Amino acid sequence: MLFLAAFTINVGRLPDGTETGLHRGRVSAQLDSFPFSVGDWLGVSAALHSEEVRLLRPLAAFRREYVNASNQERLSVFAVFTADARDLVGHEPGTCLSGQGWQMLEQRPVTWRCGDVAVNGRDYRFQFGNADVRRQVASILLVAGGESSGDMQIVSEAAADFRRAPFGACAMQISSDLTHTEAEWQQITEQFVSHMQPLVNSFTTCAHQQGMEST
């Protein structure tokens, strides 16, 4: 695995192309290598939506449909890495799904263990119109600064910081159209989040080496 060479960012200086290029290449490679087999879940590639590509301008992204070999349950995983944190601002389940006719029923913060790192995100529950059609989504956002959250505020703050914005932002969403208890959904999503540790480490390492830890 590549590691960024140590350097110092001075106030008023943008990171140069080598600095951001190493980080972007590493994160893109990690997204590209996200496993198709996760526990009993087996995934196949699915097409990205044209609007996702147009609006997010991703450096790397994937959409996968996973099937559980033991019970045939299905879920979807979408992940995206933008070259600039500003490209991800506003793109979260609460906004995007609501604009597609889904009514948000609930949202709550969630924390998963990813090796020795805590990964923070948000769990959403939606209903489509008046129909008995439900969807639950686990959402995680990562930015330079070593932060993970389900709150879009961390992306907005990174986008407004000239030191952090060029290092981009990453989002992952795990979606199911079945209704699970909180404990069941935590157990399911934890299997996928556990494979995010290299991504989390990349953004944390970037922060430490750039001298831009969050305050």
C-alpha atoms as a PDB file:
ATOM      1  CA  MET A   1       0.000   0.000   0.000  1.00  0.00           C
ATOM      2  CA  LEU A   2       1.282   3.462  -0.851  1.00  0.00           C
ATOM      3  CA  PHE A   3       1.858   5.973   1.900  1.00  0.00           C
ATOM      4  CA  LEU A   4       1.951   9.709   1.402  1.00  0.00           C
ATOM      5  CA  ALA A   5       5.281  11.405   1.943  1.00  0.00           C
ATOM      6  CA  ALA A   6       5.234  13.715   4.941  1.00  0.00           C
ATOM      7  CA  PHE A   7       5.014  17.419   4.299  1.00  0.00           C
ATOM      8  CA  THR A   8       3.689  20.592   5.893  1.00  0.00           C
ATOM      9  CA  ILE A   9       0.917  22.798   4.586  1.00  0.00           C
ATOM     10  CA  ASN A  10       1.498  26.446   5.345  1.00  0.00           C
ATOM     11  CA  VAL A  11      -1.333  28.872   5.808  1.00  0.00           C
ATOM     12  CA  GLY A  12      -2.255  30.319   2.426  1.00  0.00           C
ATOM     13  CA  ARG A  13      -0.734  27.474   0.354  1.00  0.00           C
ATOM     14  CA  LEU A  14      -2.857  25.010  -1.552  1.00  0.00           C
ATOM     15  CA  PRO A  15      -1.633  21.399  -1.594  1.00  0.00           C
ATOM     16  CA  ASP A  16       0.179  20.668  -4.847  1.00  0.00           C
ATOM     17  CA  GLY A  17      -0.722  18.099  -7.481  1.00  0.00           C
ATOM     18  CA  THR A  18       1.663  15.465  -6.137  1.00  0.00           C
ATOM     19  CA  GLU A  19       0.141  15.662  -2.679  1.00  0.00           C
ATOM     20  CA  THR A  20      -3.441  15.358  -3.842  1.00  0.00           C
ATOM     21  CA  GLY A  21      -2.565  12.928  -6.628  1.00  0.00           C
ATOM     22  CA  LEU A  22      -1.106  10.332  -4.249  1.00  0.00           C
ATOM     23  CA  HIS A  23      -4.159  10.535  -2.026  1.00  0.00           C
ATOM     24  CA  ARG A  24      -6.644  10.401  -4.908  1.00  0.00           C
ATOM     25  CA  GLY A  25      -4.892   7.433  -6.497  1.00  0.00           C
ATOM     26  CA  ARG A  26      -4.851   5.469  -3.278  1.00  0.00           C
ATOM     27  CA  VAL A  27      -8.498   6.099  -2.424  1.00  0.00           C
ATOM     28  CA  SER A  28      -9.630   5.325  -5.980  1.00  0.00           C
ATOM     29  CA  ALA A  29      -7.724   2.015  -5.903  1.00  0.00           C
ATOM     30  CA  GLN A  30      -9.325   1.095  -2.587  1.00  0.00           C
ATOM     31  CA  LEU A  31     -12.816   1.748  -3.907  1.00  0.00           C
ATOM     32  CA  ASP A  32     -12.062  -0.270  -7.039  1.00  0.00           C
ATOM     33  CA  SER A  33     -10.905  -3.204  -4.890  1.00  0.00           C
ATOM     34  CA  PHE A  34     -13.939  -3.276  -2.570  1.00  0.00           C
ATOM     35  CA  PRO A  35     -14.867  -6.994  -2.386  1.00  0.00           C
ATOM     36  CA  PHE A  36     -17.672  -8.624  -4.336  1.00  0.00           C
ATOM     37  CA  SER A  37     -17.861 -11.282  -1.618  1.00  0.00           C
ATOM     38  CA  VAL A  38     -18.731 -10.065   1.899  1.00  0.00           C
ATOM     39  CA  GLY A  39     -19.545 -12.883   4.291  1.00  0.00           C
ATOM     40  CA  ASP A  40     -22.532 -14.707   2.764  1.00  0.00           C
ATOM     41  CA  TRP A  41     -23.181 -11.771   0.434  1.00  0.00           C
ATOM     42  CA  LEU A  42     -22.220 -12.087  -3.243  1.00  0.00           C
ATOM     43  CA  GLY A  43     -22.298  -8.979  -5.408  1.00  0.00           C
ATOM     44  CA  VAL A  44     -22.569  -8.094  -9.081  1.00  0.00           C
ATOM     45  CA  SER A  45     -21.897  -4.740 -10.691  1.00  0.00           C
ATOM     46  CA  ALA A  46     -24.826  -2.465 -11.526  1.00  0.00           C
ATOM     47  CA  ALA A  47     -24.887   0.654 -13.675  1.00  0.00           C
ATOM     48  CA  LEU A  48     -24.342   4.068 -12.158  1.00  0.00           C
ATOM     49  CA  HIS A  49     -27.141   6.536 -12.793  1.00  0.00           C
ATOM     50  CA  SER A  50     -26.282   9.158 -15.379  1.00  0.00           C
ATOM     51  CA  GLU A  51     -27.315  11.946 -12.976  1.00  0.00           C
ATOM     52  CA  GLU A  52     -24.931  10.613 -10.329  1.00  0.00           C
ATOM     53  CA  VAL A  53     -22.047  10.825 -12.778  1.00  0.00           C
ATOM     54  CA  ARG A  54     -23.075  14.265 -14.048  1.00  0.00           C
ATOM     55  CA  LEU A  55     -23.568  15.833 -10.628  1.00  0.00           C
ATOM     56  CA  LEU A  56     -20.815  14.134  -8.611  1.00  0.00           C
ATOM     57  CA  ARG A  57     -18.105  13.938 -11.280  1.00  0.00           C
ATOM     58  CA  PRO A  58     -16.549  10.973  -9.445  1.00  0.00           C
ATOM     59  CA  LEU A  59     -12.933   9.919  -9.626  1.00  0.00           C
ATOM     60  CA  ALA A  60     -14.094   6.440  -8.612  1.00  0.00           C
ATOM     61  CA  ALA A  61     -17.525   4.976  -7.928  1.00  0.00           C
ATOM     62  CA  PHE A  62     -19.465   1.735  -7.981  1.00  0.00           C
ATOM     63  CA  ARG A  63     -22.954   0.391  -7.525  1.00  0.00           C
ATOM     64  CA  ARG A  64     -23.348  -3.265  -6.587  1.00  0.00           C
ATOM     65  CA  GLU A  65     -26.311  -5.537  -6.008  1.00  0.00           C
ATOM     66  CA  TYR A  66     -25.595  -8.158  -3.336  1.00  0.00           C
ATOM     67  CA  VAL A  67     -27.533 -11.381  -2.657  1.00  0.00           C
ATOM     68  CA  ASN A  68     -27.202 -13.350   0.561  1.00  0.00           C
ATOM     69  CA  ALA A  69     -26.447 -16.963  -0.370  1.00  0.00           C
ATOM     70  CA  SER A  70     -28.105 -18.313   2.792  1.00  0.00           C
ATOM     71  CA  ASN A  71     -31.499 -16.544   2.621  1.00  0.00           C
ATOM     72  CA  GLN A  72     -31.569 -14.823  -0.814  1.00  0.00           C
ATOM     73  CA  GLU A  73     -31.993 -11.405   0.753  1.00  0.00           C
ATOM     74  CA  ARG A  74     -30.875  -8.525  -1.473  1.00  0.00           C
ATOM     75  CA  LEU A  75     -29.282  -5.173  -0.804  1.00  0.00           C
ATOM     76  CA  SER A  76     -27.504  -2.461  -2.768  1.00  0.00           C
ATOM     77  CA  VAL A  77     -24.189  -0.733  -2.091  1.00  0.00           C
ATOM     78  CA  PHE A  78     -23.244   2.580  -3.687  1.00  0.00           C
ATOM     79  CA  ALA A  79     -19.871   4.245  -3.121  1.00  0.00           C
ATOM     80  CA  VAL A  80     -18.371   7.379  -4.629  1.00  0.00           C
ATOM     81  CA  PHE A  81     -15.141   9.361  -4.284  1.00  0.00           C
ATOM     82  CA  THR A  82     -15.117  12.925  -5.587  1.00  0.00           C
ATOM     83  CA  ALA A  83     -11.909  14.751  -6.465  1.00  0.00           C
ATOM     84  CA  ASP A  84     -13.137  17.871  -4.693  1.00  0.00           C
ATOM     85  CA  ALA A  85     -15.211  17.838  -1.510  1.00  0.00           C
ATOM     86  CA  ARG A  86     -17.447  20.526  -3.013  1.00  0.00           C
ATOM     87  CA  ASP A  87     -18.833  18.013  -5.529  1.00  0.00           C
ATOM     88  CA  LEU A  88     -20.372  15.913  -2.725  1.00  0.00           C
ATOM     89  CA  VAL A  89     -22.074  18.752  -0.838  1.00  0.00           C
ATOM     90  CA  GLY A  90     -25.826  18.185  -0.538  1.00  0.00           C
ATOM     91  CA  HIS A  91     -25.799  14.620  -1.869  1.00  0.00           C
ATOM     92  CA  GLU A  92     -27.189  12.562   1.019  1.00  0.00           C
ATOM     93  CA  PRO A  93     -30.144  10.126   1.309  1.00  0.00           C
ATOM     94  CA  GLY A  94     -32.348  12.571   3.191  1.00  0.00           C
ATOM     95  CA  THR A  95     -32.151  15.019   0.291  1.00  0.00           C
ATOM     96  CA  CYS A  96     -31.836  12.759  -2.738  1.00  0.00           C
ATOM     97  CA  LEU A  97     -34.502  10.169  -1.870  1.00  0.00           C
ATOM     98  CA  SER A  98     -36.928  12.826  -0.654  1.00  0.00           C
ATOM     99  CA  GLY A  99     -36.613  14.431  -4.080  1.00  0.00           C
ATOM    100  CA  GLN A 100     -37.611  11.109  -5.656  1.00  0.00           C
ATOM    101  CA  GLY A 101     -40.868  10.798  -3.706  1.00  0.00           C
ATOM    102  CA  TRP A 102     -39.641   8.953  -0.632  1.00  0.00           C
ATOM    103  CA  GLN A 103     -40.840  10.202   2.766  1.00  0.00           C
ATOM    104  CA  MET A 104     -38.272  10.056   5.545  1.00  0.00           C
ATOM    105  CA  LEU A 105     -39.707   8.288   8.585  1.00  0.00           C
ATOM    106  CA  GLU A 106     -36.639   8.253  10.794  1.00  0.00           C
ATOM    107  CA  GLN A 107     -32.955   9.058  10.933  1.00  0.00           C
ATOM    108  CA  ARG A 108     -30.467   8.353  13.688  1.00  0.00           C
ATOM    109  CA  PRO A 109     -26.698   8.406  14.170  1.00  0.00           C
ATOM    110  CA  VAL A 110     -24.907   5.052  14.059  1.00  0.00           C
ATOM    111  CA  THR A 111     -21.387   3.956  14.940  1.00  0.00           C
ATOM    112  CA  TRP A 112     -19.681   0.838  13.638  1.00  0.00           C
ATOM    113  CA  ARG A 113     -16.361  -0.669  14.688  1.00  0.00           C
ATOM    114  CA  CYS A 114     -13.883  -0.893  11.828  1.00  0.00           C
ATOM    115  CA  GLY A 115     -10.880  -2.677  13.281  1.00  0.00           C
ATOM    116  CA  ASP A 116      -9.669  -0.337  16.001  1.00  0.00           C
ATOM    117  CA  VAL A 117     -11.420   2.652  14.400  1.00  0.00           C
ATOM    118  CA  ALA A 118     -14.949   3.902  15.058  1.00  0.00           C
ATOM    119  CA  VAL A 119     -16.851   4.714  11.849  1.00  0.00           C
ATOM    120  CA  ASN A 120     -19.748   7.125  12.247  1.00  0.00           C
ATOM    121  CA  GLY A 121     -22.727   7.336   9.938  1.00  0.00           C
ATOM    122  CA  ARG A 122     -26.490   7.636   9.833  1.00  0.00           C
ATOM    123  CA  ASP A 123     -29.347   5.186   9.447  1.00  0.00           C
ATOM    124  CA  TYR A 124     -32.398   6.336   7.464  1.00  0.00           C
ATOM    125  CA  ARG A 125     -35.856   4.783   7.107  1.00  0.00           C
ATOM    126  CA  PHE A 126     -38.126   5.793   4.226  1.00  0.00           C
ATOM    127  CA  GLN A 127     -41.598   5.070   2.906  1.00  0.00           C
ATOM    128  CA  PHE A 128     -42.654   5.644  -0.682  1.00  0.00           C
ATOM    129  CA  GLY A 129     -45.803   7.787  -0.872  1.00  0.00           C
ATOM    130  CA  ASN A 130     -48.760   6.124   0.821  1.00  0.00           C
ATOM    131  CA  ALA A 131     -47.723   2.662  -0.301  1.00  0.00           C
ATOM    132  CA  ASP A 132     -46.385   0.025   2.044  1.00  0.00           C
ATOM    133  CA  VAL A 133     -42.971   0.240   0.381  1.00  0.00           C
ATOM    134  CA  ARG A 134     -40.086   0.804   2.753  1.00  0.00           C
ATOM    135  CA  ARG A 135     -36.360   1.387   2.380  1.00  0.00           C
ATOM    136  CA  GLN A 136     -33.580   1.665   4.919  1.00  0.00           C
ATOM    137  CA  VAL A 137     -30.236   3.222   4.135  1.00  0.00           C
ATOM    138  CA  ALA A 138     -26.990   3.295   6.072  1.00  0.00           C
ATOM    139  CA  SER A 139     -24.944   6.319   4.985  1.00  0.00           C
ATOM    140  CA  ILE A 140     -21.293   7.131   5.720  1.00  0.00           C
ATOM    141  CA  LEU A 141     -19.336  10.232   4.700  1.00  0.00           C
ATOM    142  CA  LEU A 142     -15.535  10.576   4.845  1.00  0.00           C
ATOM    143  CA  VAL A 143     -13.472  13.745   4.471  1.00  0.00           C
ATOM    144  CA  ALA A 144      -9.856  14.807   4.854  1.00  0.00           C
ATOM    145  CA  GLY A 145      -9.503  15.663   8.499  1.00  0.00           C
ATOM    146  CA  GLY A 146      -9.997  12.107   9.709  1.00  0.00           C
ATOM    147  CA  GLU A 147     -13.740  12.465  10.166  1.00  0.00           C
ATOM    148  CA  SER A 148     -16.547  10.057   9.409  1.00  0.00           C
ATOM    149  CA  SER A 149     -20.199  10.946   9.851  1.00  0.00           C
ATOM    150  CA  GLY A 150     -23.671  10.730   8.393  1.00  0.00           C
ATOM    151  CA  ASP A 151     -24.010  14.494   8.773  1.00  0.00           C
ATOM    152  CA  MET A 152     -23.461  16.486   5.578  1.00  0.00           C
ATOM    153  CA  GLN A 153     -22.019  19.304   7.689  1.00  0.00           C
ATOM    154  CA  ILE A 154     -18.589  17.632   7.715  1.00  0.00           C
ATOM    155  CA  VAL A 155     -18.526  17.677   3.903  1.00  0.00           C
ATOM    156  CA  SER A 156     -19.628  21.310   3.810  1.00  0.00           C
ATOM    157  CA  GLU A 157     -16.884  22.245   6.249  1.00  0.00           C
ATOM    158  CA  ALA A 158     -14.246  20.354   4.249  1.00  0.00           C
ATOM    159  CA  ALA A 159     -15.492  21.962   1.030  1.00  0.00           C
ATOM    160  CA  ALA A 160     -15.064  25.419   2.562  1.00  0.00           C
ATOM    161  CA  ASP A 161     -11.473  24.682   3.670  1.00  0.00           C
ATOM    162  CA  PHE A 162      -8.955  25.358   0.881  1.00  0.00           C
ATOM    163  CA  ARG A 163      -6.528  22.840   2.461  1.00  0.00           C
ATOM    164  CA  ARG A 164      -9.028  19.961   2.626  1.00  0.00           C
ATOM    165  CA  ALA A 165     -11.333  20.421  -0.370  1.00  0.00           C
ATOM    166  CA  PRO A 166      -8.758  19.239  -2.974  1.00  0.00           C
ATOM    167  CA  PHE A 167      -8.429  15.905  -1.141  1.00  0.00           C
ATOM    168  CA  GLY A 168     -12.046  15.112  -1.991  1.00  0.00           C
ATOM    169  CA  ALA A 169     -14.751  13.292  -0.082  1.00  0.00           C
ATOM    170  CA  CYS A 170     -16.129   9.782  -0.067  1.00  0.00           C
ATOM    171  CA  ALA A 171     -19.635   8.450   0.535  1.00  0.00           C
ATOM    172  CA  MET A 172     -20.984   4.930   0.934  1.00  0.00           C
ATOM    173  CA  GLN A 173     -24.635   3.931   1.132  1.00  0.00           C
ATOM    174  CA  ILE A 174     -26.002   0.479   1.957  1.00  0.00           C
ATOM    175  CA  SER A 175     -29.696   0.102   1.073  1.00  0.00           C
ATOM    176  CA  SER A 176     -32.356  -2.551   1.637  1.00  0.00           C
ATOM    177  CA  ASP A 177     -36.049  -2.644   0.771  1.00  0.00           C
ATOM    178  CA  LEU A 178     -36.719  -5.035   3.663  1.00  0.00           C
ATOM    179  CA  THR A 179     -37.551  -3.973   7.205  1.00  0.00           C
ATOM    180  CA  HIS A 180     -34.997  -5.007   9.809  1.00  0.00           C
ATOM    181  CA  THR A 181     -34.724  -4.329  13.502  1.00  0.00           C
ATOM    182  CA  GLU A 182     -31.947  -1.953  14.527  1.00  0.00           C
ATOM    183  CA  ALA A 183     -29.883  -4.890  15.791  1.00  0.00           C
ATOM    184  CA  GLU A 184     -30.347  -6.882  12.573  1.00  0.00           C
ATOM    185  CA  TRP A 185     -29.465  -3.921  10.353  1.00  0.00           C
ATOM    186  CA  GLN A 186     -26.430  -3.086  12.480  1.00  0.00           C
ATOM    187  CA  GLN A 187     -25.169  -6.628  12.084  1.00  0.00           C
ATOM    188  CA  ILE A 188     -25.745  -6.657   8.320  1.00  0.00           C
ATOM    189  CA  THR A 189     -24.169  -3.284   7.626  1.00  0.00           C
ATOM    190  CA  GLU A 190     -21.224  -3.934   9.910  1.00  0.00           C
ATOM    191  CA  GLN A 191     -20.049  -6.666   7.539  1.00  0.00           C
ATOM    192  CA  PHE A 192     -19.708  -4.105   4.739  1.00  0.00           C
ATOM    193  CA  VAL A 193     -18.392  -1.249   6.857  1.00  0.00           C
ATOM    194  CA  SER A 194     -15.604  -3.505   8.143  1.00  0.00           C
ATOM    195  CA  HIS A 195     -14.101  -3.400   4.643  1.00  0.00           C
ATOM    196  CA  MET A 196     -13.929   0.409   4.772  1.00  0.00           C
ATOM    197  CA  GLN A 197     -10.967   0.507   7.151  1.00  0.00           C
ATOM    198  CA  PRO A 198      -8.414   1.247   4.349  1.00  0.00           C
ATOM    199  CA  LEU A 199     -10.585   4.174   3.222  1.00  0.00           C
ATOM    200  CA  VAL A 200     -10.924   5.533   6.747  1.00  0.00           C
ATOM    201  CA  ASN A 201      -7.187   5.157   7.304  1.00  0.00           C
ATOM    202  CA  SER A 202      -6.435   7.018   4.065  1.00  0.00           C
ATOM    203  CA  PHE A 203      -8.406  10.084   5.106  1.00  0.00           C
ATOM    204  CA  THR A 204      -7.017   9.936   8.641  1.00  0.00           C
ATOM    205  CA  THR A 205      -3.422   9.512   7.425  1.00  0.00           C
ATOM    206  CA  CYS A 206      -3.934  12.355   4.983  1.00  0.00           C
ATOM    207  CA  ALA A 207      -5.057  14.608   7.839  1.00  0.00           C
ATOM    208  CA  HIS A 208      -2.144  13.724  10.086  1.00  0.00           C
ATOM    209  CA  GLN A 209       0.449  14.175   7.399  1.00  0.00           C
ATOM    210  CA  GLN A 210      -1.012  17.413   6.090  1.00  0.00           C
ATOM    211  CA  GLY A 211      -1.310  18.994   9.537  1.00  0.00           C
ATOM    212  CA  MET A 212      -5.027  19.632   9.067  1.00  0.00           C
ATOM    213  CA  GLU A 213      -6.651  17.631  11.853  1.00  0.00           C
ATOM    214  CA  SER A 214     -10.214  18.714  12.491  1.00  0.00           C
ATOM    215  CA  THR A 215     -10.832  21.137  15.316  1.00  0.00           C
END
